[in-house]
Amino acid sequence: MKENRIMALPLEGVRVLDLTSVMAGPYCSMLLGDMGADVVKIESFPDGDTSRGFTPQIQGESYCFTVLNRNKRSLAIDMKSAKGLGIVQQLAKSADIVTENFRPGVVKKLGLDYERLCNDNRGLVYASMSGFGQTGPYASRGGYDIVAQGMSGIMMMTGEPGGRPAKVGIAMNDIASGVTALYAILGAYISRLRFGQGQYVETSLLEAGLAWSQWEFGAFFGAGELPGPMGTRHRRAAPYQAYRTGDGYVTVGANNEKLWRAFCDQVCSCPQWLADPRYASNALRVEHADALQADIEAVFVKHPTAYWVEALDAAAVPGGPVYGYEQVFDDPQIKARDMVLEIEHPIMGSVTWF
């Protein structure tokens, strides 16, 4: 007989003092909380985290704030007062991890920097997230996701060819910074378990965005290529983009010769494409992506998206529908994976959680 056991979360018993606000830092500390850490979030008094004012509001609570601050306890403190500072410093003495995303230099002025706190807690893992990093000519500047996306080159390679620079639809650099800080924290914590010594780790919105642009920077340093906007196309593979159908769009990822043959023969019933010299190799298909798109869409517009999704699946060619949010959360795969839950919030009542 198989015994069902509920496993302990990996960070149960780990204490996190969270001095972050808005998105990058709260996303990082939220994930620490999801893994079982006891997260105490310190908010400025009397206004609290800036994102508390974001809409939509339900029963006076911001949905945007709430989704980034689950699994946390919160305390509003005036850290500029002697009493407030003393409370935070006392909490830091028993913390395993401290996270902060003030402008560089602010925590030192407050007396909450790593050097000050580790004097009383040698095993402390301390993580800083900022706009541009703790050193360099821009260190003291404030940074937001839009600024980091622009300065990391991402906006110049996003959008449609010939269009204005475009921001990625989500706060990519914010999330990238939070994730980068997360694995740095976990690495430092593992090191502490092995060697008994805490560490200081830091990242920034700018650097985290740069770190996610691997192929683009490889092509730039390797061949001097300047990555420009390509819509939904891939720089190194075709067909690999979203194509218009009879009632919307469908994505196709036929990025090798086996998939290309299956796509032509089984999905589109267009074996003549296999004999077309313009499409004889992946590199040539990338070169002739305009013509390839025109040929594919001339076929795809004859049927709705659902037809092509089924055809792609039957041929084992990766692809899927292009959803709006009103469709995303109704998809059976999303439901089967419990990505969306209904929970009871103590103030907001019954809410949908992602």
Protein backbone atom coordinates (compact mmCIF):
# COMPACT_ATOMS: atom_id res chain seq x y z
CA MET A 1 0.00 0.00 0.00
CA LYS A 2 1.38 3.36 -1.04
CA GLU A 3 1.44 6.01 1.66
CA ASN A 4 0.54 9.54 0.62
CA ARG A 5 2.75 12.08 2.34
CA ILE A 6 2.57 15.85 2.30
CA MET A 7 6.12 17.03 1.79
CA ALA A 8 7.44 19.96 3.78
CA LEU A 9 8.11 23.06 1.72
CA PRO A 10 11.86 23.53 1.13
CA LEU A 11 12.20 26.87 2.93
CA GLU A 12 10.02 26.13 5.96
CA GLY A 13 11.63 27.69 9.02
CA VAL A 14 13.60 30.24 6.96
CA ARG A 15 12.93 33.85 7.99
CA VAL A 16 12.86 36.62 5.38
CA LEU A 17 12.81 40.33 6.19
CA ASP A 18 11.40 41.97 3.07
CA LEU A 19 12.12 45.69 2.60
CA THR A 20 11.01 45.77 -1.05
CA SER A 21 8.12 47.44 -2.84
CA VAL A 22 6.22 47.55 -6.15
CA MET A 23 7.25 44.55 -8.34
CA ALA A 24 10.81 43.21 -8.72
CA GLY A 25 11.50 42.78 -5.01
CA PRO A 26 7.99 41.68 -3.99
CA TYR A 27 8.00 39.10 -6.79
CA CYS A 28 11.26 37.66 -5.43
CA SER A 29 10.05 37.55 -1.82
CA MET A 30 6.68 36.15 -2.94
CA LEU A 31 8.46 33.17 -4.47
CA LEU A 32 10.46 32.69 -1.27
CA GLY A 33 7.14 32.64 0.58
CA ASP A 34 5.70 30.16 -1.91
CA MET A 35 8.60 27.86 -1.04
CA GLY A 36 7.67 28.01 2.63
CA ALA A 37 9.72 30.90 3.99
CA ASP A 38 8.26 33.08 6.74
CA VAL A 39 8.25 36.48 5.02
CA VAL A 40 7.74 39.67 7.02
CA LYS A 41 7.19 42.63 4.71
CA ILE A 42 8.11 46.06 6.05
CA GLU A 43 6.13 48.89 4.47
CA SER A 44 6.66 52.62 4.80
CA PHE A 45 4.38 54.41 7.25
CA PRO A 46 1.74 55.71 6.67
CA ASP A 47 1.28 55.08 2.93
CA GLY A 48 2.60 51.54 2.57
CA ASP A 49 3.80 49.92 -0.65
CA THR A 50 3.18 52.17 -3.66
CA SER A 51 1.28 49.40 -5.42
CA ARG A 52 -1.41 49.50 -2.72
CA GLY A 53 -2.82 52.46 -4.63
CA PHE A 54 -3.05 50.64 -7.97
CA THR A 55 -6.40 49.72 -9.47
CA PRO A 56 -8.48 47.62 -9.57
CA GLN A 57 -9.50 47.91 -5.93
CA ILE A 58 -11.77 45.42 -4.17
CA GLN A 59 -12.99 46.33 -0.69
CA GLY A 60 -10.22 48.94 -0.60
CA GLU A 61 -7.49 46.42 -1.42
CA SER A 62 -5.43 46.58 -4.62
CA TYR A 63 -5.54 43.41 -6.68
CA CYS A 64 -2.11 44.30 -8.12
CA PHE A 65 -0.61 44.58 -4.65
CA THR A 66 -2.29 41.43 -3.39
CA VAL A 67 -1.15 39.10 -6.16
CA LEU A 68 2.51 40.00 -5.53
CA ASN A 69 2.36 39.80 -1.76
CA ARG A 70 0.77 36.49 -0.91
CA ASN A 71 2.24 34.33 1.86
CA LYS A 72 3.60 37.37 3.70
CA ARG A 73 2.98 39.14 6.97
CA SER A 74 3.11 42.93 6.81
CA LEU A 75 4.20 45.65 9.19
CA ALA A 76 4.09 49.42 8.54
CA ILE A 77 7.04 51.23 10.11
CA ASP A 78 8.55 54.70 9.91
CA MET A 79 12.12 53.57 9.31
CA LYS A 80 13.38 57.15 9.57
CA SER A 81 12.42 57.28 13.24
CA ALA A 82 14.73 55.86 15.89
CA LYS A 83 12.02 53.57 17.21
CA GLY A 84 11.07 52.27 13.77
CA LEU A 85 14.69 51.73 12.78
CA GLY A 86 15.32 49.84 15.99
CA ILE A 87 12.41 47.50 15.31
CA VAL A 88 13.68 46.66 11.82
CA GLN A 89 17.25 46.16 13.05
CA GLN A 90 15.96 43.83 15.76
CA LEU A 91 13.99 41.81 13.19
CA ALA A 92 17.13 41.57 11.03
CA LYS A 93 19.05 39.91 13.87
CA SER A 94 16.90 36.79 13.60
CA ALA A 95 16.42 36.88 9.82
CA ASP A 96 18.06 34.40 7.47
CA ILE A 97 17.46 36.59 4.42
CA VAL A 98 16.95 40.33 3.86
CA THR A 99 15.69 41.72 0.55
CA GLU A 100 15.65 45.40 -0.43
CA ASN A 101 15.17 47.49 -3.57
CA PHE A 102 15.85 51.05 -2.46
CA ARG A 103 18.06 53.32 -4.55
CA PRO A 104 21.70 52.51 -3.81
CA GLY A 105 22.87 54.39 -0.74
CA VAL A 106 19.47 54.70 0.94
CA VAL A 107 19.78 51.63 3.17
CA LYS A 108 23.21 52.81 4.33
CA LYS A 109 21.73 56.17 5.35
CA LEU A 110 18.97 54.36 7.20
CA GLY A 111 21.41 52.04 8.96
CA LEU A 112 19.99 48.94 7.29
CA ASP A 113 22.81 48.08 4.88
CA TYR A 114 24.51 44.69 4.77
CA GLU A 115 27.64 45.84 6.62
CA ARG A 116 25.57 47.15 9.51
CA LEU A 117 23.19 44.20 9.77
CA CYS A 118 25.75 41.43 9.34
CA ASN A 119 27.65 42.70 12.40
CA ASP A 120 24.82 41.24 14.47
CA ASN A 121 24.02 38.35 12.13
CA ARG A 122 27.05 36.78 10.45
CA GLY A 123 24.94 34.23 8.60
CA LEU A 124 22.70 36.81 6.94
CA VAL A 125 22.00 36.50 3.21
CA TYR A 126 21.31 40.03 1.99
CA ALA A 127 19.96 40.77 -1.51
CA SER A 128 19.73 44.16 -3.20
CA MET A 129 17.76 44.91 -6.36
CA SER A 130 18.10 48.29 -8.04
CA GLY A 131 17.65 50.00 -11.38
CA PHE A 132 21.27 49.95 -12.53
CA GLY A 133 23.37 48.23 -9.88
CA GLN A 134 25.21 49.35 -6.76
CA THR A 135 28.20 50.80 -8.62
CA GLY A 136 28.85 52.71 -11.83
CA PRO A 137 27.87 56.20 -13.07
CA TYR A 138 24.13 55.45 -13.01
CA ALA A 139 24.02 53.73 -9.62
CA SER A 140 22.17 56.56 -7.88
CA ARG A 141 19.50 56.88 -10.57
CA GLY A 142 16.00 55.60 -10.03
CA GLY A 143 15.05 52.77 -12.34
CA TYR A 144 11.81 51.33 -13.62
CA ASP A 145 11.03 48.49 -16.00
CA ILE A 146 10.37 50.83 -18.96
CA VAL A 147 13.76 52.50 -18.48
CA ALA A 148 15.61 49.19 -18.22
CA GLN A 149 13.85 47.75 -21.28
CA GLY A 150 14.91 50.80 -23.27
CA MET A 151 18.52 50.80 -22.11
CA SER A 152 19.02 47.03 -22.46
CA GLY A 153 18.16 47.16 -26.18
CA ILE A 154 14.97 45.16 -25.75
CA MET A 155 12.65 47.90 -27.01
CA MET A 156 14.64 48.28 -30.24
CA MET A 157 14.14 44.59 -31.06
CA THR A 158 10.47 44.38 -30.07
CA GLY A 159 7.44 45.15 -32.22
CA GLU A 160 6.85 45.16 -35.95
CA PRO A 161 9.55 46.04 -38.53
CA GLY A 162 9.51 49.75 -39.31
CA GLY A 163 7.54 50.58 -36.17
CA ARG A 164 8.44 52.60 -33.11
CA PRO A 165 10.41 50.97 -30.28
CA ALA A 166 8.02 48.75 -28.32
CA LYS A 167 7.93 47.57 -24.73
CA VAL A 168 7.42 43.89 -24.01
CA GLY A 169 3.80 43.43 -22.95
CA ILE A 170 4.73 42.44 -19.39
CA ALA A 171 7.16 44.03 -16.90
CA MET A 172 9.90 41.73 -18.17
CA ASN A 173 12.93 43.39 -16.57
CA ASP A 174 11.15 43.63 -13.22
CA ILE A 175 10.34 39.92 -13.25
CA ALA A 176 13.81 39.06 -14.59
CA SER A 177 15.40 40.99 -11.74
CA GLY A 178 13.22 39.25 -9.16
CA VAL A 179 14.02 35.80 -10.56
CA THR A 180 17.75 36.59 -10.81
CA ALA A 181 17.77 37.75 -7.19
CA LEU A 182 15.87 34.61 -6.19
CA TYR A 183 18.43 32.14 -7.49
CA ALA A 184 21.28 34.27 -6.14
CA ILE A 185 19.62 34.17 -2.71
CA LEU A 186 19.09 30.42 -2.88
CA GLY A 187 22.71 29.88 -3.96
CA ALA A 188 23.96 32.06 -1.11
CA TYR A 189 21.71 30.27 1.38
CA ILE A 190 22.98 26.85 0.25
CA SER A 191 26.52 28.19 0.68
CA ARG A 192 25.64 29.31 4.21
CA LEU A 193 24.34 25.84 5.04
CA ARG A 194 27.62 24.35 3.84
CA PHE A 195 30.13 26.88 5.12
CA GLY A 196 28.29 28.85 7.82
CA GLN A 197 28.84 32.28 6.29
CA GLY A 198 26.26 34.72 4.93
CA GLN A 199 26.68 36.65 1.68
CA TYR A 200 25.70 39.87 -0.03
CA VAL A 201 24.18 39.47 -3.51
CA GLU A 202 22.79 42.08 -5.88
CA THR A 203 21.28 42.51 -9.30
CA SER A 204 19.48 45.22 -11.26
CA LEU A 205 16.68 45.70 -13.75
CA LEU A 206 19.20 46.62 -16.45
CA GLU A 207 21.54 43.66 -15.91
CA ALA A 208 18.76 41.10 -15.56
CA GLY A 209 17.28 42.18 -18.89
CA LEU A 210 20.67 41.97 -20.57
CA ALA A 211 21.16 38.46 -19.20
CA TRP A 212 17.97 37.28 -20.91
CA SER A 213 19.09 38.42 -24.38
CA GLN A 214 21.49 35.54 -24.96
CA TRP A 215 21.20 34.83 -28.69
CA GLU A 216 20.89 38.48 -29.64
CA PHE A 217 24.09 39.45 -27.86
CA GLY A 218 25.83 36.34 -29.15
CA ALA A 219 25.04 37.43 -32.71
CA PHE A 220 26.10 41.00 -31.96
CA PHE A 221 29.48 40.10 -30.48
CA GLY A 222 30.01 37.20 -32.86
CA ALA A 223 29.07 38.85 -36.14
CA GLY A 224 28.17 42.47 -35.44
CA GLU A 225 24.46 41.86 -36.05
CA LEU A 226 22.09 44.54 -34.78
CA PRO A 227 18.85 42.84 -33.70
CA GLY A 228 15.81 44.70 -34.95
CA PRO A 229 12.08 44.14 -34.50
CA MET A 230 10.68 41.06 -36.22
CA GLY A 231 7.09 40.88 -34.99
CA THR A 232 6.52 37.27 -33.93
CA ARG A 233 9.25 35.81 -36.13
CA HIS A 234 12.39 34.02 -34.94
CA ARG A 235 15.82 35.29 -35.94
CA ARG A 236 17.21 31.83 -36.60
CA ALA A 237 14.29 29.59 -37.58
CA ALA A 238 11.29 29.48 -39.94
CA PRO A 239 8.43 28.79 -39.95
CA TYR A 240 8.39 29.97 -36.37
CA GLN A 241 5.83 32.72 -35.79
CA ALA A 242 2.12 33.52 -35.55
CA TYR A 243 0.13 33.16 -38.79
CA ARG A 244 -3.28 34.52 -39.68
CA THR A 245 -6.11 31.99 -39.89
CA GLY A 246 -9.74 32.23 -40.91
CA ASP A 247 -10.73 33.66 -37.53
CA GLY A 248 -7.56 34.68 -35.71
CA TYR A 249 -3.95 33.57 -35.39
CA VAL A 250 -2.08 30.35 -34.73
CA THR A 251 1.57 29.88 -33.78
CA VAL A 252 3.81 27.38 -35.55
CA GLY A 253 7.20 26.13 -34.36
CA ALA A 254 8.52 23.99 -37.22
CA ASN A 255 12.16 24.82 -36.57
CA ASN A 256 13.92 21.74 -37.97
CA GLU A 257 13.78 19.71 -41.17
CA LYS A 258 11.70 16.87 -39.73
CA LEU A 259 9.05 19.28 -38.50
CA TRP A 260 9.20 21.26 -41.75
CA ARG A 261 8.45 18.15 -43.78
CA ALA A 262 5.57 17.19 -41.51
CA PHE A 263 4.23 20.73 -41.67
CA CYS A 264 4.26 20.79 -45.47
CA ASP A 265 2.94 17.26 -46.06
CA GLN A 266 0.60 16.57 -43.16
CA VAL A 267 -0.57 19.96 -41.91
CA CYS A 268 -0.83 22.08 -45.05
CA SER A 269 -0.97 19.38 -47.77
CA CYS A 270 1.54 21.47 -49.72
CA PRO A 271 4.39 19.09 -50.69
CA GLN A 272 5.42 21.55 -53.42
CA TRP A 273 7.01 23.72 -50.73
CA LEU A 274 9.57 20.97 -50.13
CA ALA A 275 10.76 21.37 -53.71
CA ASP A 276 10.82 25.18 -53.62
CA PRO A 277 14.49 26.30 -53.70
CA ARG A 278 13.65 29.30 -51.49
CA TYR A 279 12.70 26.92 -48.69
CA ALA A 280 15.39 24.26 -49.16
CA SER A 281 17.01 24.92 -45.76
CA ASN A 282 16.18 26.63 -42.53
CA ALA A 283 18.56 29.49 -43.34
CA LEU A 284 16.85 30.01 -46.70
CA ARG A 285 13.42 29.94 -45.10
CA VAL A 286 14.53 32.65 -42.68
CA GLU A 287 15.88 34.66 -45.63
CA HIS A 288 12.58 34.31 -47.51
CA ALA A 289 10.31 34.66 -44.48
CA ASP A 290 8.03 37.18 -46.22
CA ALA A 291 7.28 34.81 -49.09
CA LEU A 292 6.92 31.89 -46.71
CA GLN A 293 4.44 33.80 -44.57
CA ALA A 294 2.38 34.72 -47.64
CA ASP A 295 2.29 31.08 -48.81
CA ILE A 296 1.34 29.74 -45.39
CA GLU A 297 -1.33 32.34 -44.71
CA ALA A 298 -2.90 31.77 -48.13
CA VAL A 299 -3.58 28.24 -46.89
CA PHE A 300 -4.31 29.02 -43.24
CA VAL A 301 -7.04 31.61 -43.90
CA LYS A 302 -9.21 28.87 -45.42
CA HIS A 303 -9.93 27.37 -41.99
CA PRO A 304 -10.37 28.62 -38.41
CA THR A 305 -7.67 28.46 -35.76
CA ALA A 306 -9.12 25.36 -34.07
CA TYR A 307 -8.79 23.40 -37.32
CA TRP A 308 -5.09 24.22 -37.62
CA VAL A 309 -4.37 23.53 -33.95
CA GLU A 310 -5.85 20.06 -34.42
CA ALA A 311 -3.91 19.51 -37.66
CA LEU A 312 -0.63 20.60 -36.06
CA ASP A 313 -1.21 18.33 -33.08
CA ALA A 314 -2.05 15.36 -35.31
CA ALA A 315 1.24 15.85 -37.18
CA ALA A 316 3.23 16.37 -33.94
CA VAL A 317 4.22 19.87 -35.08
CA PRO A 318 4.34 22.33 -32.16
CA GLY A 319 1.74 25.07 -32.41
CA GLY A 320 -1.16 26.66 -30.61
CA PRO A 321 -3.82 29.36 -30.68
CA VAL A 322 -3.05 33.00 -29.96
CA TYR A 323 -5.25 33.86 -26.99
CA GLY A 324 -6.56 37.00 -25.41
CA TYR A 325 -6.83 36.91 -21.62
CA GLU A 326 -10.54 36.18 -21.85
CA GLN A 327 -9.56 32.87 -23.48
CA VAL A 328 -6.36 32.04 -21.57
CA PHE A 329 -8.00 31.13 -18.30
CA ASP A 330 -10.72 29.08 -19.98
CA ASP A 331 -8.21 26.75 -21.64
CA PRO A 332 -8.51 23.13 -20.40
CA GLN A 333 -4.74 22.78 -19.94
CA ILE A 334 -4.59 25.84 -17.69
CA LYS A 335 -7.49 24.43 -15.69
CA ALA A 336 -5.99 20.94 -15.48
CA ARG A 337 -2.74 22.34 -14.07
CA ASP A 338 -4.58 24.33 -11.37
CA MET A 339 -3.00 27.56 -12.55
CA VAL A 340 -6.11 29.48 -11.51
CA LEU A 341 -7.64 29.04 -8.06
CA GLU A 342 -10.55 30.52 -6.17
CA ILE A 343 -9.46 31.51 -2.67
CA GLU A 344 -11.01 33.34 0.26
CA HIS A 345 -9.17 36.57 1.07
CA PRO A 346 -9.75 37.99 4.58
CA ILE A 347 -10.63 41.45 3.22
CA MET A 348 -11.40 41.05 -0.48
CA GLY A 349 -13.59 37.99 -0.07
CA SER A 350 -13.65 35.33 -2.79
CA VAL A 351 -11.00 36.13 -5.40
CA THR A 352 -9.48 34.41 -8.42
CA TRP A 353 -5.79 33.69 -7.89
CA PHE A 354 -3.10 32.88 -10.43
